[in-house]
Amino acid sequence: MFPLSHLLSRFVQAGTLTVFDAEGREHVFGGKEPGPLVAFRLHDRKLYRTLFLKADPGLGEAYMDGTLTFGGRDGGPGPNGEAAGAEGLRDFLRLFNVNRFAFVGHPLQSVLKRASKAVKKVTQYNPVGKAQQNVAHHYDLSRELYELFLDEDLQYSCALFAHEGQSLEDAQRNKKRHLAAKLALAPGQRVLDIGCGWGGLALYLAKEHDVHVTGVTLSVEQHRVACERAEKLGLSDKVEFLLKDYRELDGPFDRIVSVGMFEHVGVGHYEEFFAKVKSLLTPDGAAVVHSIGRCTPPSSTGPWLRKYIFPGGYSPSLSEVFTHTEQARLWVTDVEILRLHYAKTLRAWAERFAANRGRVAELYDERFCRMWEFYLICCEMAFAEGNALVFQMQLARDRAALPLTRDYMYAGDASAAGAGTHEDDEAVRLAA
């Protein structure tokens, strides 16, 4: 297994990794410091070289193909009771995050950083047209797939858990209420939802706050579902969904909200994004951007995630974002960092996905199931143990456009008190 064994012996400093090679031989790495106990088996000798040269995307592809499985040599629990299957994957990713600084200062790391920086803007080039192709790759999958693991309103972004043990449905309602409070809405205002998904937030804002909402998406499937929901709720006169790139819109709008879309803009388009947001706002308008980010300096999207899940996607550092809000001469009137909320959200999604795994396999196949397991658990651990976060950034053209204290954000925000269901929320849900 050399040179893979040499790499692993250097990498695993905390916890213990037991590897069963393709011949069934046992190799144990680490154990110097306490940490997760993990065991996996390699079923193909080619993986020795693949995992050494390109662990990303090699590890994810091996898991998808079934040539790397977690647990002992027989596929069951490992030699010390280590978990198998998806739980084994979760433990491995926890082990990875615990040891992720093992190669800091290593010459290979600097080489890899330079290489990723060189291709960063190329992989995130998302002009009009190309952006729609990237969106279709992920969001034009079967609606039923998303219904099998999301909440009933099809909210596909970080929920807001007001207390331990709160349901995913209630936590997603909290998120919608919190965003509405930050928008400081008034009846009759024109609101733009950039990246509206299946329409849940737009419908909620129109129904609860008596505003007129235009939602835009590049997903054909999401647009179809959103329009159906608006018609079913009798809100077609207050909510309009467009299959259109936000860059092709004309304003003005009193409020703009964008949830889970900024990750798909691409670093080379940040200046364009904020300039467009500014041009679409009324002079006293305001916007809220909700996005995944990172607490570390700028980096790049992993090759596996970029290839199989989110082509063109990237989670920015705040330093990358502020540069362009400043260039656009926009006031950043508030920033809130959500830390473990997305880890909880992703854990709930992964559990629901596992409970419906048989149906997912019927819709697609076993390789697809393993791909989505890897995606959901990998992202969960990035928020639970890694450097991922969610930020909500409030923007305005005029410094006096919004109240000067945060009180208004919580006065009417039931999520701050951990509110549960609401009859109007239920009506929106039933249209899903």
Protein backbone atom coordinates (compact mmCIF):
# COMPACT_ATOMS: atom_id res chain seq x y z
CA MET A 1 0.00 0.00 0.00
CA PHE A 2 3.02 2.28 -0.08
CA PRO A 3 3.04 5.30 -0.61
CA LEU A 4 -0.57 5.60 0.66
CA SER A 5 0.43 4.07 3.99
CA HIS A 6 3.19 6.67 4.39
CA LEU A 7 0.69 9.47 3.73
CA LEU A 8 -1.81 8.09 6.26
CA SER A 9 0.81 7.55 8.95
CA ARG A 10 1.71 11.23 8.74
CA PHE A 11 -1.88 12.43 8.47
CA VAL A 12 -3.62 10.53 11.32
CA GLN A 13 -2.31 12.05 14.54
CA ALA A 14 -5.55 12.02 16.55
CA GLY A 15 -7.88 9.03 16.55
CA THR A 16 -7.23 5.70 14.89
CA LEU A 17 -7.75 4.63 11.29
CA THR A 18 -7.74 0.92 10.45
CA VAL A 19 -7.45 0.10 6.76
CA PHE A 20 -8.02 -3.33 5.24
CA ASP A 21 -6.30 -3.45 1.89
CA ALA A 22 -7.50 -5.29 -1.21
CA GLU A 23 -5.69 -8.44 -0.05
CA GLY A 24 -7.37 -8.30 3.37
CA ARG A 25 -4.29 -7.17 5.28
CA GLU A 26 -4.82 -4.86 8.24
CA HIS A 27 -2.99 -1.52 8.58
CA VAL A 28 -3.44 0.68 11.66
CA PHE A 29 -2.60 4.40 11.67
CA GLY A 30 -2.59 6.96 14.47
CA GLY A 31 -3.62 6.32 18.02
CA LYS A 32 -1.17 8.89 19.41
CA GLU A 33 -3.97 11.18 20.63
CA PRO A 34 -7.62 10.39 21.42
CA GLY A 35 -10.12 10.79 18.60
CA PRO A 36 -12.56 8.91 16.37
CA LEU A 37 -12.06 5.21 15.66
CA VAL A 38 -12.59 4.47 11.96
CA ALA A 39 -12.18 1.40 9.78
CA PHE A 40 -12.57 1.04 6.02
CA ARG A 41 -11.75 -1.51 3.37
CA LEU A 42 -10.27 -0.94 -0.08
CA HIS A 43 -11.61 -3.40 -2.65
CA ASP A 44 -9.37 -2.37 -5.55
CA ARG A 45 -5.56 -2.17 -5.56
CA LYS A 46 -5.75 0.82 -7.93
CA LEU A 47 -7.01 2.88 -5.00
CA TYR A 48 -3.59 2.81 -3.34
CA ARG A 49 -2.28 5.12 -6.05
CA THR A 50 -5.53 7.03 -6.63
CA LEU A 51 -6.00 8.01 -2.99
CA PHE A 52 -2.36 9.03 -2.68
CA LEU A 53 -2.34 11.25 -5.76
CA LYS A 54 -5.86 12.68 -5.59
CA ALA A 55 -7.73 11.92 -2.40
CA ASP A 56 -10.26 14.46 -3.60
CA PRO A 57 -12.13 13.40 -5.74
CA GLY A 58 -10.75 9.85 -5.35
CA LEU A 59 -12.27 9.10 -1.95
CA GLY A 60 -15.77 10.23 -2.91
CA GLU A 61 -15.66 8.37 -6.21
CA ALA A 62 -14.49 5.18 -4.49
CA TYR A 63 -17.36 5.45 -2.00
CA MET A 64 -19.82 6.01 -4.85
CA ASP A 65 -18.46 3.00 -6.76
CA GLY A 66 -18.47 0.75 -3.69
CA THR A 67 -14.72 0.09 -3.99
CA LEU A 68 -14.21 1.73 -0.57
CA THR A 69 -16.53 0.63 2.21
CA PHE A 70 -16.59 1.49 5.89
CA GLY A 71 -16.42 -1.15 8.59
CA GLY A 72 -14.20 -4.23 8.88
CA ARG A 73 -12.90 -6.60 6.25
CA ASP A 74 -16.28 -8.38 6.14
CA GLY A 75 -18.25 -5.16 5.71
CA GLY A 76 -19.55 -5.20 9.28
CA PRO A 77 -18.31 -3.22 12.28
CA GLY A 78 -14.57 -2.60 12.43
CA PRO A 79 -12.11 -4.39 14.76
CA ASN A 80 -12.92 -2.05 17.65
CA GLY A 81 -16.61 -1.70 16.92
CA GLU A 82 -16.21 1.11 14.39
CA ALA A 83 -19.39 1.92 12.50
CA ALA A 84 -20.09 0.68 8.97
CA GLY A 85 -21.92 2.33 6.08
CA ALA A 86 -23.03 5.96 6.30
CA GLU A 87 -22.19 6.20 10.02
CA GLY A 88 -18.70 4.97 9.24
CA LEU A 89 -18.42 7.68 6.60
CA ARG A 90 -19.51 10.29 9.15
CA ASP A 91 -16.87 9.07 11.62
CA PHE A 92 -14.19 9.16 8.92
CA LEU A 93 -15.03 12.73 7.97
CA ARG A 94 -14.89 13.66 11.66
CA LEU A 95 -11.44 12.02 11.81
CA PHE A 96 -10.43 13.97 8.71
CA ASN A 97 -11.47 17.29 10.22
CA VAL A 98 -9.72 16.55 13.51
CA ASN A 99 -6.49 15.95 11.58
CA ARG A 100 -6.92 18.50 8.78
CA PHE A 101 -3.98 20.64 9.92
CA ALA A 102 -1.51 17.74 9.81
CA PHE A 103 0.05 18.96 6.56
CA VAL A 104 0.24 22.66 7.40
CA GLY A 105 3.63 23.87 6.20
CA HIS A 106 4.25 20.79 4.05
CA PRO A 107 5.66 21.68 0.57
CA LEU A 108 2.92 19.65 -1.11
CA GLN A 109 0.26 21.84 0.49
CA SER A 110 1.67 25.02 -1.02
CA VAL A 111 1.78 23.36 -4.44
CA LEU A 112 -1.87 22.32 -4.15
CA LYS A 113 -2.88 25.81 -3.01
CA ARG A 114 -1.23 27.42 -6.01
CA ALA A 115 -2.89 24.91 -8.34
CA SER A 116 -6.36 25.49 -6.89
CA LYS A 117 -5.92 29.27 -7.06
CA ALA A 118 -4.92 29.00 -10.72
CA VAL A 119 -8.15 27.22 -11.71
CA LYS A 120 -10.50 28.96 -9.24
CA LYS A 121 -11.94 31.62 -11.53
CA VAL A 122 -12.15 29.19 -14.44
CA THR A 123 -14.22 26.69 -12.46
CA GLN A 124 -16.51 29.47 -11.20
CA TYR A 125 -17.09 31.17 -14.51
CA ASN A 126 -20.88 31.58 -14.50
CA PRO A 127 -22.01 33.93 -17.28
CA VAL A 128 -25.64 34.04 -18.41
CA GLY A 129 -26.37 30.66 -20.03
CA LYS A 130 -23.56 28.75 -18.36
CA ALA A 131 -25.12 29.53 -14.98
CA GLN A 132 -28.36 27.84 -16.09
CA GLN A 133 -26.47 24.70 -17.13
CA ASN A 134 -24.83 24.52 -13.71
CA VAL A 135 -28.15 25.00 -11.92
CA ALA A 136 -29.85 22.32 -14.02
CA HIS A 137 -27.19 19.78 -12.98
CA HIS A 138 -28.44 19.84 -9.38
CA TYR A 139 -31.87 21.45 -9.19
CA ASP A 140 -33.61 19.90 -12.17
CA LEU A 141 -33.59 16.47 -10.55
CA SER A 142 -36.88 14.83 -9.60
CA ARG A 143 -39.09 16.86 -7.26
CA GLU A 144 -39.81 13.61 -5.41
CA LEU A 145 -36.14 13.23 -4.52
CA TYR A 146 -36.20 16.53 -2.63
CA GLU A 147 -39.56 15.72 -1.04
CA LEU A 148 -37.98 12.60 0.46
CA PHE A 149 -35.52 14.50 2.65
CA LEU A 150 -36.46 18.21 2.86
CA ASP A 151 -39.14 19.73 5.09
CA GLU A 152 -42.70 19.96 3.82
CA ASP A 153 -42.17 23.45 2.37
CA LEU A 154 -39.11 22.30 0.35
CA GLN A 155 -36.73 24.74 2.03
CA TYR A 156 -33.29 23.79 0.68
CA SER A 157 -31.10 25.99 2.87
CA CYS A 158 -29.99 26.37 6.48
CA ALA A 159 -32.79 26.23 9.04
CA LEU A 160 -32.80 28.22 12.28
CA PHE A 161 -33.10 26.04 15.40
CA ALA A 162 -34.39 28.12 18.31
CA HIS A 163 -33.88 25.30 20.82
CA GLU A 164 -32.54 21.77 21.06
CA GLY A 165 -34.87 19.12 19.69
CA GLN A 166 -36.91 21.48 17.51
CA SER A 167 -38.31 19.84 14.38
CA LEU A 168 -36.92 20.62 10.95
CA GLU A 169 -40.33 22.00 9.89
CA ASP A 170 -40.42 24.47 12.79
CA ALA A 171 -36.76 25.44 12.28
CA GLN A 172 -37.40 26.24 8.62
CA ARG A 173 -40.40 28.37 9.58
CA ASN A 174 -38.10 30.19 12.00
CA LYS A 175 -35.72 30.93 9.14
CA LYS A 176 -38.48 32.43 7.00
CA ARG A 177 -39.74 34.59 9.87
CA HIS A 178 -36.24 35.78 10.69
CA LEU A 179 -35.54 36.78 7.09
CA ALA A 180 -38.88 38.58 6.86
CA ALA A 181 -38.07 40.51 10.04
CA LYS A 182 -34.69 41.57 8.66
CA LEU A 183 -36.33 42.81 5.47
CA ALA A 184 -38.50 45.22 7.53
CA LEU A 185 -41.41 44.76 5.14
CA ALA A 186 -44.38 47.06 4.66
CA PRO A 187 -47.65 46.18 2.85
CA GLY A 188 -47.58 46.81 -0.88
CA GLN A 189 -43.82 46.76 -1.27
CA ARG A 190 -42.20 45.13 -4.30
CA VAL A 191 -39.87 42.30 -3.30
CA LEU A 192 -37.39 40.37 -5.45
CA ASP A 193 -36.37 36.84 -4.46
CA ILE A 194 -33.15 35.93 -6.33
CA GLY A 195 -32.88 32.16 -6.51
CA CYS A 196 -36.40 31.46 -5.29
CA GLY A 197 -36.19 27.66 -5.32
CA TRP A 198 -39.58 25.97 -5.20
CA GLY A 199 -41.19 29.23 -4.08
CA GLY A 200 -41.73 28.68 -0.37
CA LEU A 201 -40.17 31.92 0.90
CA ALA A 202 -41.78 34.09 -1.78
CA LEU A 203 -45.22 32.64 -1.05
CA TYR A 204 -44.70 33.08 2.68
CA LEU A 205 -43.71 36.75 2.31
CA ALA A 206 -46.66 37.52 0.03
CA LYS A 207 -49.20 35.82 2.28
CA GLU A 208 -47.89 36.95 5.66
CA HIS A 209 -46.77 40.49 4.79
CA ASP A 210 -49.04 41.56 1.93
CA VAL A 211 -46.18 42.32 -0.45
CA HIS A 212 -45.78 41.68 -4.17
CA VAL A 213 -42.98 39.21 -4.86
CA THR A 214 -41.07 38.40 -8.03
CA GLY A 215 -39.11 35.18 -7.73
CA VAL A 216 -36.44 34.19 -10.24
CA THR A 217 -34.81 30.82 -10.75
CA LEU A 218 -32.76 29.15 -13.47
CA SER A 219 -34.20 25.71 -12.73
CA VAL A 220 -36.97 24.60 -15.09
CA GLU A 221 -38.29 22.13 -12.52
CA GLN A 222 -38.29 24.63 -9.64
CA HIS A 223 -40.03 27.24 -11.79
CA ARG A 224 -42.77 24.78 -12.75
CA VAL A 225 -43.39 23.73 -9.15
CA ALA A 226 -43.33 27.30 -7.82
CA CYS A 227 -45.91 28.46 -10.38
CA GLU A 228 -48.16 25.52 -9.53
CA ARG A 229 -47.96 26.35 -5.83
CA ALA A 230 -48.81 30.02 -6.37
CA GLU A 231 -51.86 29.11 -8.42
CA LYS A 232 -53.00 26.51 -5.91
CA LEU A 233 -52.77 29.06 -3.09
CA GLY A 234 -54.58 31.75 -5.08
CA LEU A 235 -51.51 34.00 -4.89
CA SER A 236 -50.77 34.33 -8.59
CA ASP A 237 -51.79 37.98 -8.45
CA LYS A 238 -49.22 38.70 -5.71
CA VAL A 239 -46.37 36.36 -6.64
CA GLU A 240 -44.75 36.03 -10.04
CA PHE A 241 -42.11 33.39 -10.77
CA LEU A 242 -39.76 33.89 -13.70
CA LEU A 243 -37.39 31.44 -15.36
CA LYS A 244 -34.75 34.10 -15.76
CA ASP A 245 -31.24 35.16 -14.81
CA TYR A 246 -31.29 37.95 -12.21
CA ARG A 247 -28.90 39.92 -14.41
CA GLU A 248 -31.65 40.27 -17.01
CA LEU A 249 -34.15 41.93 -14.64
CA ASP A 250 -35.28 45.52 -14.44
CA GLY A 251 -36.25 47.18 -11.16
CA PRO A 252 -36.84 48.90 -9.00
CA PHE A 253 -37.64 46.78 -5.95
CA ASP A 254 -38.14 47.96 -2.38
CA ARG A 255 -36.60 44.80 -0.99
CA ILE A 256 -34.37 42.03 -2.31
CA VAL A 257 -33.78 38.67 -0.65
CA SER A 258 -31.48 35.91 -1.84
CA VAL A 259 -31.19 32.61 0.03
CA GLY A 260 -28.75 29.90 -1.00
CA MET A 261 -28.03 31.45 -4.39
CA PHE A 262 -24.90 33.51 -3.74
CA GLU A 263 -22.88 30.26 -3.51
CA HIS A 264 -23.52 29.85 -7.26
CA VAL A 265 -22.48 33.36 -8.34
CA GLY A 266 -18.74 32.66 -8.60
CA VAL A 267 -15.94 34.91 -7.32
CA GLY A 268 -15.39 36.42 -10.75
CA HIS A 269 -18.98 37.70 -10.73
CA TYR A 270 -19.23 39.24 -7.24
CA GLU A 271 -18.70 42.77 -8.53
CA GLU A 272 -21.43 42.17 -11.12
CA PHE A 273 -23.78 40.71 -8.48
CA PHE A 274 -23.60 43.60 -6.02
CA ALA A 275 -23.70 46.22 -8.75
CA LYS A 276 -26.88 44.62 -10.06
CA VAL A 277 -28.44 44.41 -6.60
CA LYS A 278 -27.74 48.10 -6.09
CA SER A 279 -29.22 49.03 -9.46
CA LEU A 280 -32.39 47.03 -8.73
CA LEU A 281 -33.04 48.67 -5.34
CA THR A 282 -35.04 51.82 -4.77
CA PRO A 283 -33.03 54.65 -3.13
CA ASP A 284 -34.37 53.64 0.29
CA GLY A 285 -34.38 49.92 -0.50
CA ALA A 286 -32.69 47.09 1.41
CA ALA A 287 -31.53 43.56 0.70
CA VAL A 288 -30.67 40.42 2.68
CA VAL A 289 -28.24 37.85 1.30
CA HIS A 290 -28.17 34.46 3.04
CA SER A 291 -25.22 32.31 1.96
CA ILE A 292 -22.79 29.61 2.98
CA GLY A 293 -19.34 30.98 3.73
CA ARG A 294 -16.11 30.01 5.47
CA CYS A 295 -14.28 31.28 8.55
CA THR A 296 -10.88 30.86 6.88
CA PRO A 297 -9.04 32.82 4.16
CA PRO A 298 -10.19 32.37 0.53
CA SER A 299 -9.83 28.85 -0.81
CA SER A 300 -11.54 26.77 -3.51
CA THR A 301 -14.34 24.25 -3.88
CA GLY A 302 -13.26 20.63 -3.57
CA PRO A 303 -13.01 18.77 -6.91
CA TRP A 304 -15.54 16.07 -5.94
CA LEU A 305 -18.23 18.52 -4.82
CA ARG A 306 -17.59 20.69 -7.88
CA LYS A 307 -17.81 17.76 -10.29
CA TYR A 308 -20.75 15.81 -8.93
CA ILE A 309 -22.93 18.19 -6.90
CA PHE A 310 -22.41 21.93 -7.49
CA PRO A 311 -20.53 22.77 -10.69
CA GLY A 312 -19.54 26.42 -10.56
CA GLY A 313 -20.27 26.62 -6.83
CA TYR A 314 -18.14 28.27 -4.14
CA SER A 315 -18.55 29.30 -0.50
CA PRO A 316 -16.67 32.58 0.03
CA SER A 317 -14.73 34.05 2.90
CA LEU A 318 -16.29 37.24 4.23
CA SER A 319 -13.16 39.11 3.16
CA GLU A 320 -13.97 38.27 -0.47
CA VAL A 321 -17.53 39.52 -0.10
CA PHE A 322 -16.82 42.81 1.69
CA THR A 323 -14.39 43.83 -1.03
CA HIS A 324 -17.22 43.95 -3.54
CA THR A 325 -19.90 45.50 -1.32
CA GLU A 326 -17.40 48.32 -0.79
CA GLN A 327 -16.78 48.66 -4.51
CA ALA A 328 -20.54 48.85 -5.10
CA ARG A 329 -20.82 51.58 -2.43
CA LEU A 330 -23.45 49.57 -0.56
CA TRP A 331 -23.95 49.94 3.16
CA VAL A 332 -23.55 46.65 5.05
CA THR A 333 -26.10 47.42 7.74
CA ASP A 334 -25.96 44.07 9.53
CA VAL A 335 -24.14 40.73 9.40
CA GLU A 336 -25.21 37.66 11.37
CA ILE A 337 -23.21 34.42 11.50
CA LEU A 338 -25.13 31.15 11.89
CA ARG A 339 -22.70 28.49 13.08
CA LEU A 340 -24.04 25.01 13.94
CA HIS A 341 -27.54 25.52 12.52
CA TYR A 342 -26.59 24.08 9.12
CA ALA A 343 -24.92 21.05 10.71
CA LYS A 344 -28.24 20.32 12.43
CA THR A 345 -30.15 20.92 9.19
CA LEU A 346 -27.90 18.61 7.17
CA ARG A 347 -28.07 15.92 9.85
CA ALA A 348 -31.87 16.01 9.64
CA TRP A 349 -31.70 15.80 5.83
CA ALA A 350 -29.26 12.86 5.98
CA GLU A 351 -31.49 10.99 8.42
CA ARG A 352 -34.56 11.51 6.25
CA PHE A 353 -32.58 10.51 3.16
CA ALA A 354 -31.47 7.30 4.91
CA ALA A 355 -35.05 6.53 5.95
CA ASN A 356 -36.17 6.84 2.29
CA ARG A 357 -33.06 5.37 0.70
CA GLY A 358 -34.95 2.51 -0.93
CA ARG A 359 -37.22 4.91 -2.82
CA VAL A 360 -34.24 7.03 -3.92
CA ALA A 361 -32.63 3.88 -5.34
CA GLU A 362 -35.83 3.21 -7.29
CA LEU A 363 -35.79 6.75 -8.70
CA TYR A 364 -32.10 6.60 -9.59
CA ASP A 365 -29.70 3.81 -8.54
CA GLU A 366 -27.41 2.65 -5.74
CA ARG A 367 -24.46 4.72 -6.96
CA PHE A 368 -26.63 7.85 -6.85
CA CYS A 369 -27.63 6.98 -3.26
CA ARG A 370 -24.00 6.69 -2.19
CA MET A 371 -23.17 9.94 -3.99
CA TRP A 372 -25.86 11.84 -2.07
CA GLU A 373 -24.91 10.17 1.20
CA PHE A 374 -21.37 11.39 0.68
CA TYR A 375 -22.59 14.87 -0.23
CA LEU A 376 -24.96 15.33 2.72
CA ILE A 377 -22.62 13.88 5.35
CA CYS A 378 -19.55 15.64 3.97
CA CYS A 379 -21.36 18.99 4.16
CA GLU A 380 -22.73 18.22 7.62
CA MET A 381 -19.25 17.59 8.96
CA ALA A 382 -17.91 20.75 7.28
CA PHE A 383 -20.31 22.73 9.50
CA ALA A 384 -19.99 20.53 12.59
CA GLU A 385 -16.19 20.14 12.61
CA GLY A 386 -14.74 22.16 9.71
CA ASN A 387 -14.61 25.81 8.63
CA ALA A 388 -18.07 26.27 7.09
CA LEU A 389 -20.62 28.80 8.32
CA VAL A 390 -23.72 30.63 7.10
CA PHE A 391 -23.91 34.41 6.99
CA GLN A 392 -26.88 36.70 6.56
CA MET A 393 -25.78 40.08 5.22
CA GLN A 394 -28.14 43.03 5.17
CA LEU A 395 -27.44 45.74 2.59
CA ALA A 396 -28.84 49.18 1.83
CA ARG A 397 -28.16 52.06 -0.54
CA ASP A 398 -28.90 54.66 2.14
CA ARG A 399 -27.45 54.47 5.66
CA ALA A 400 -30.77 55.70 7.08
CA ALA A 401 -32.96 53.24 5.16
CA LEU A 402 -33.45 50.96 8.18
CA PRO A 403 -33.89 51.46 11.95
CA LEU A 404 -30.66 52.18 13.78
CA THR A 405 -30.91 49.34 16.30
CA ARG A 406 -31.63 45.65 15.86
CA ASP A 407 -34.80 45.70 17.97
CA TYR A 408 -37.10 45.59 14.94
CA MET A 409 -35.50 42.31 13.81
CA TYR A 410 -36.82 40.52 16.88
CA ALA A 411 -39.96 42.41 17.86
CA GLY A 412 -42.10 40.52 15.36
CA ASP A 413 -39.81 37.51 14.91
CA ALA A 414 -41.47 34.55 16.56
CA SER A 415 -38.43 32.38 15.88
CA ALA A 416 -36.60 34.19 18.68
CA ALA A 417 -39.05 32.59 21.07
CA GLY A 418 -38.95 29.22 19.33
CA ALA A 419 -42.46 29.39 17.89
CA GLY A 420 -44.03 26.32 16.42
CA THR A 421 -46.59 25.89 13.67
CA HIS A 422 -48.82 28.62 12.28
CA GLU A 423 -52.02 28.20 10.29
CA ASP A 424 -50.82 30.46 7.48
CA ASP A 425 -47.54 28.56 7.25
CA GLU A 426 -49.62 25.40 7.02
CA ALA A 427 -51.54 26.76 4.04
CA VAL A 428 -48.30 27.45 2.20
CA ARG A 429 -47.04 23.97 3.08
CA LEU A 430 -50.15 22.29 1.70
CA ALA A 431 -49.51 23.89 -1.67
CA ALA A 432 -46.09 22.19 -1.85
